[in-house]
Each structure stands twice: as structure tokens, then as C-alpha cells.
């Protein structure tokens, strides 16, 4: 994993993006010494989103089994939505 500050990233964007694209490296952008963003390959991003989707489905299934669930219509009513 490569860590660079925002100025370094701006000055070396093409090289860093190529390292992500061709070498599979990940770049962490730092501001004041703390990570604030990352540049990853599209493949990594899609894998992460797939994992999040699976976790959401698992949580939804668990919630549906809980007693005292509230219907969507009831939630909308409570929130003053149509």
C-alpha cells in the first residue's frame, strides 16, 4: 500500500493510477498525516461492494426474523411519508 499526501498525489497522479491499474497497488491519500481517501482498482471496488451487498442481505434476513418487525407502510406513516 502506497501512502501519499494530496500534493504528492496531484503531482504524480498518472504514475500512481498506473501503479493501481497495472500492479494492483492501493494508494492512500493523506491530509495532515491521516488517511482521508483511497485509490483502488475497479476490481477491488466491485469486490468491496459485493461484500457490502451480501452483508446487507444477511442483516435484512435477520431483521425479518425478529419479532416486532414494522411494515414499510407503518414506517412511512410514522415518518409522515406517503
N, C-alpha and C. Protein backbone atom coordinates (compact mmCIF):
# COMPACT_ATOMS: atom_id res chain seq x y z
N UNK A 1 0.85 -1.18 0.00
CA UNK A 1 0.00 0.00 0.00
C UNK A 1 0.90 1.23 0.00
N UNK A 2 0.55 2.14 -0.87
CA UNK A 2 1.31 3.39 -1.01
C UNK A 2 0.56 4.48 -0.25
N UNK A 3 1.28 5.27 0.51
CA UNK A 3 0.67 6.39 1.22
C UNK A 3 1.31 7.68 0.73
N UNK A 4 0.47 8.60 0.26
CA UNK A 4 0.97 9.88 -0.24
C UNK A 4 0.06 11.00 0.24
N UNK A 5 0.65 12.19 0.36
CA UNK A 5 -0.22 13.32 0.71
C UNK A 5 -0.88 13.84 -0.57
N UNK A 6 -1.83 14.71 -0.38
CA UNK A 6 -2.63 15.21 -1.50
C UNK A 6 -1.76 15.88 -2.58
N UNK A 7 -0.77 16.65 -2.16
CA UNK A 7 0.11 17.34 -3.12
C UNK A 7 0.90 16.33 -3.93
N UNK A 8 1.45 15.30 -3.26
CA UNK A 8 2.20 14.26 -3.97
C UNK A 8 1.29 13.55 -4.98
N UNK A 9 0.05 13.31 -4.57
CA UNK A 9 -0.88 12.64 -5.49
C UNK A 9 -1.15 13.52 -6.71
N UNK A 10 -1.39 14.80 -6.47
CA UNK A 10 -1.65 15.72 -7.58
C UNK A 10 -0.47 15.74 -8.55
N UNK A 11 0.74 15.76 -8.00
CA UNK A 11 1.94 15.86 -8.84
C UNK A 11 2.28 14.55 -9.55
N UNK A 12 1.77 13.43 -9.05
CA UNK A 12 2.14 12.12 -9.59
C UNK A 12 0.92 11.26 -9.94
N UNK A 13 -0.18 11.92 -10.27
CA UNK A 13 -1.43 11.19 -10.49
C UNK A 13 -1.30 10.08 -11.52
N UNK A 14 -0.77 10.39 -12.68
CA UNK A 14 -0.68 9.39 -13.75
C UNK A 14 0.12 8.17 -13.31
N UNK A 15 1.27 8.39 -12.70
CA UNK A 15 2.11 7.28 -12.24
C UNK A 15 1.39 6.45 -11.19
N UNK A 16 0.75 7.10 -10.23
CA UNK A 16 0.08 6.37 -9.16
C UNK A 16 -1.12 5.59 -9.68
N UNK A 17 -1.88 6.18 -10.57
CA UNK A 17 -3.02 5.46 -11.15
C UNK A 17 -2.53 4.27 -11.96
N UNK A 18 -1.44 4.41 -12.68
CA UNK A 18 -0.87 3.28 -13.42
C UNK A 18 -0.43 2.17 -12.48
N UNK A 19 0.13 2.53 -11.34
CA UNK A 19 0.54 1.51 -10.36
C UNK A 19 -0.68 0.76 -9.82
N UNK A 20 -1.77 1.48 -9.64
CA UNK A 20 -3.02 0.82 -9.21
C UNK A 20 -3.52 -0.09 -10.32
N UNK A 21 -3.58 0.44 -11.53
CA UNK A 21 -4.13 -0.28 -12.68
C UNK A 21 -3.31 -1.50 -13.06
N UNK A 22 -2.00 -1.35 -13.16
CA UNK A 22 -1.17 -2.42 -13.69
C UNK A 22 -0.51 -3.30 -12.64
N UNK A 23 -0.29 -2.78 -11.44
CA UNK A 23 0.39 -3.55 -10.40
C UNK A 23 -0.55 -3.98 -9.28
N UNK A 24 -1.79 -3.51 -9.32
CA UNK A 24 -2.74 -3.88 -8.27
C UNK A 24 -2.46 -3.23 -6.93
N UNK A 25 -1.64 -2.18 -6.95
CA UNK A 25 -1.34 -1.49 -5.69
C UNK A 25 -2.52 -0.63 -5.27
N UNK A 26 -2.53 -0.24 -4.01
CA UNK A 26 -3.56 0.64 -3.47
C UNK A 26 -2.87 1.89 -2.95
N UNK A 27 -3.51 3.03 -3.18
CA UNK A 27 -2.93 4.31 -2.78
C UNK A 27 -3.84 4.95 -1.73
N UNK A 28 -3.26 5.30 -0.60
CA UNK A 28 -3.99 6.01 0.45
C UNK A 28 -3.58 7.47 0.39
N UNK A 29 -4.56 8.35 0.27
CA UNK A 29 -4.30 9.79 0.26
C UNK A 29 -4.39 10.31 1.68
N UNK A 30 -3.39 11.09 2.07
CA UNK A 30 -3.34 11.60 3.43
C UNK A 30 -3.44 13.12 3.45
N UNK A 31 -4.07 13.60 4.48
CA UNK A 31 -4.13 15.03 4.75
C UNK A 31 -3.73 15.19 6.22
N UNK A 32 -2.70 16.00 6.43
CA UNK A 32 -2.17 16.21 7.77
C UNK A 32 -1.80 14.89 8.45
N UNK A 33 -1.26 13.97 7.65
CA UNK A 33 -0.78 12.70 8.18
C UNK A 33 -1.83 11.64 8.43
N UNK A 34 -3.07 11.93 8.08
CA UNK A 34 -4.14 10.95 8.30
C UNK A 34 -4.77 10.56 6.97
N UNK A 35 -5.06 9.28 6.81
CA UNK A 35 -5.70 8.80 5.61
C UNK A 35 -7.10 9.38 5.46
N UNK A 36 -7.41 9.90 4.27
CA UNK A 36 -8.72 10.50 4.03
C UNK A 36 -9.44 9.89 2.83
N UNK A 37 -8.72 9.21 1.97
CA UNK A 37 -9.32 8.61 0.78
C UNK A 37 -8.36 7.56 0.24
N UNK A 38 -8.86 6.77 -0.71
CA UNK A 38 -8.01 5.74 -1.30
C UNK A 38 -8.31 5.62 -2.79
N UNK A 39 -7.30 5.21 -3.52
CA UNK A 39 -7.46 4.88 -4.93
C UNK A 39 -7.20 3.38 -5.05
N UNK A 40 -8.22 2.67 -5.53
CA UNK A 40 -8.11 1.22 -5.69
C UNK A 40 -8.58 0.85 -7.09
N UNK A 41 -8.27 -0.35 -7.49
CA UNK A 41 -8.71 -0.79 -8.81
C UNK A 41 -10.23 -0.95 -8.82
N UNK A 42 -10.80 -0.90 -10.01
CA UNK A 42 -12.23 -1.12 -10.15
C UNK A 42 -12.61 -2.51 -9.64
N UNK A 43 -11.75 -3.48 -9.89
CA UNK A 43 -12.00 -4.85 -9.41
C UNK A 43 -12.12 -4.87 -7.89
N UNK A 44 -11.21 -4.18 -7.19
CA UNK A 44 -11.28 -4.11 -5.73
C UNK A 44 -12.58 -3.43 -5.27
N UNK A 45 -12.95 -2.36 -5.93
CA UNK A 45 -14.17 -1.64 -5.57
C UNK A 45 -15.40 -2.53 -5.75
N UNK A 46 -15.48 -3.23 -6.87
CA UNK A 46 -16.62 -4.10 -7.13
C UNK A 46 -16.69 -5.23 -6.11
N UNK A 47 -15.53 -5.77 -5.74
CA UNK A 47 -15.47 -6.83 -4.72
C UNK A 47 -15.96 -6.30 -3.38
N UNK A 48 -15.54 -5.11 -3.02
CA UNK A 48 -15.98 -4.49 -1.77
C UNK A 48 -17.49 -4.26 -1.77
N UNK A 49 -18.02 -3.74 -2.87
CA UNK A 49 -19.46 -3.51 -2.96
C UNK A 49 -20.24 -4.81 -2.89
N UNK A 50 -19.72 -5.87 -3.48
CA UNK A 50 -20.38 -7.18 -3.41
C UNK A 50 -20.42 -7.67 -1.97
N UNK A 51 -19.32 -7.50 -1.24
CA UNK A 51 -19.28 -7.91 0.16
C UNK A 51 -20.29 -7.10 0.98
N UNK A 52 -20.38 -5.81 0.72
CA UNK A 52 -21.35 -4.97 1.43
C UNK A 52 -22.78 -5.41 1.12
N UNK A 53 -23.05 -5.72 -0.13
CA UNK A 53 -24.39 -6.19 -0.52
C UNK A 53 -24.75 -7.48 0.21
N UNK A 54 -23.80 -8.41 0.28
CA UNK A 54 -24.05 -9.68 0.98
C UNK A 54 -24.32 -9.44 2.46
N UNK A 55 -23.57 -8.52 3.06
CA UNK A 55 -23.79 -8.20 4.48
C UNK A 55 -25.16 -7.57 4.68
N UNK A 56 -25.58 -6.71 3.75
CA UNK A 56 -26.90 -6.08 3.84
C UNK A 56 -28.01 -7.12 3.75
N UNK A 57 -27.87 -8.07 2.83
CA UNK A 57 -28.88 -9.12 2.67
C UNK A 57 -28.96 -9.96 3.94
N UNK A 58 -27.81 -10.31 4.49
CA UNK A 58 -27.78 -11.10 5.72
C UNK A 58 -28.46 -10.35 6.86
N UNK A 59 -28.18 -9.07 7.00
CA UNK A 59 -28.79 -8.27 8.06
C UNK A 59 -30.30 -8.14 7.84
N UNK A 60 -30.72 -8.00 6.59
CA UNK A 60 -32.15 -7.88 6.30
C UNK A 60 -32.87 -9.18 6.63
N UNK A 61 -32.27 -10.30 6.29
CA UNK A 61 -32.90 -11.59 6.61
C UNK A 61 -33.02 -11.77 8.12
N UNK A 62 -32.00 -11.39 8.83
CA UNK A 62 -32.03 -11.49 10.29
C UNK A 62 -33.12 -10.58 10.86
N UNK A 63 -33.22 -9.38 10.35
CA UNK A 63 -34.22 -8.42 10.83
C UNK A 63 -35.64 -8.93 10.56
N UNK A 64 -35.85 -9.58 9.44
CA UNK A 64 -37.18 -10.09 9.10
C UNK A 64 -37.62 -11.17 10.08
N UNK A 65 -36.67 -11.89 10.66
CA UNK A 65 -37.00 -12.97 11.59
C UNK A 65 -37.31 -12.45 13.00
N UNK A 66 -36.90 -11.22 13.28
CA UNK A 66 -37.12 -10.66 14.62
C UNK A 66 -38.59 -10.40 14.86
N UNK A 67 -38.98 -10.60 16.10
CA UNK A 67 -40.36 -10.30 16.48
C UNK A 67 -40.51 -8.79 16.59
N UNK A 68 -41.72 -8.33 16.34
CA UNK A 68 -41.98 -6.91 16.47
C UNK A 68 -41.54 -6.10 15.27
N UNK A 69 -41.36 -6.76 14.15
CA UNK A 69 -40.98 -6.02 12.95
C UNK A 69 -42.08 -5.05 12.54
N UNK A 70 -41.70 -4.02 11.82
CA UNK A 70 -42.63 -2.99 11.38
C UNK A 70 -42.67 -3.00 9.86
N UNK A 71 -43.86 -2.94 9.31
CA UNK A 71 -44.01 -2.94 7.86
C UNK A 71 -43.52 -1.62 7.27
N UNK A 72 -43.23 -1.65 5.98
CA UNK A 72 -42.81 -0.44 5.28
C UNK A 72 -43.90 0.62 5.36
N UNK A 73 -45.14 0.20 5.21
CA UNK A 73 -46.26 1.15 5.29
C UNK A 73 -46.29 1.85 6.65
N UNK A 74 -46.03 1.09 7.71
CA UNK A 74 -46.04 1.68 9.05
C UNK A 74 -44.86 2.64 9.23
N UNK A 75 -43.71 2.29 8.71
CA UNK A 75 -42.55 3.18 8.79
C UNK A 75 -42.85 4.49 8.08
N UNK A 76 -43.40 4.40 6.87
CA UNK A 76 -43.75 5.61 6.12
C UNK A 76 -44.75 6.46 6.88
N UNK A 77 -45.74 5.81 7.48
CA UNK A 77 -46.75 6.53 8.26
C UNK A 77 -46.10 7.27 9.42
N UNK A 78 -45.21 6.59 10.13
CA UNK A 78 -44.53 7.20 11.28
C UNK A 78 -43.66 8.38 10.87
N UNK A 79 -43.11 8.30 9.67
CA UNK A 79 -42.23 9.38 9.17
C UNK A 79 -43.00 10.46 8.43
N UNK A 80 -44.31 10.30 8.33
CA UNK A 80 -45.13 11.28 7.64
C UNK A 80 -44.96 11.25 6.13
N UNK A 81 -44.60 10.08 5.61
CA UNK A 81 -44.41 9.93 4.17
C UNK A 81 -45.65 9.29 3.56
N UNK A 82 -45.83 9.50 2.27
CA UNK A 82 -46.97 8.89 1.57
C UNK A 82 -46.62 7.54 1.04
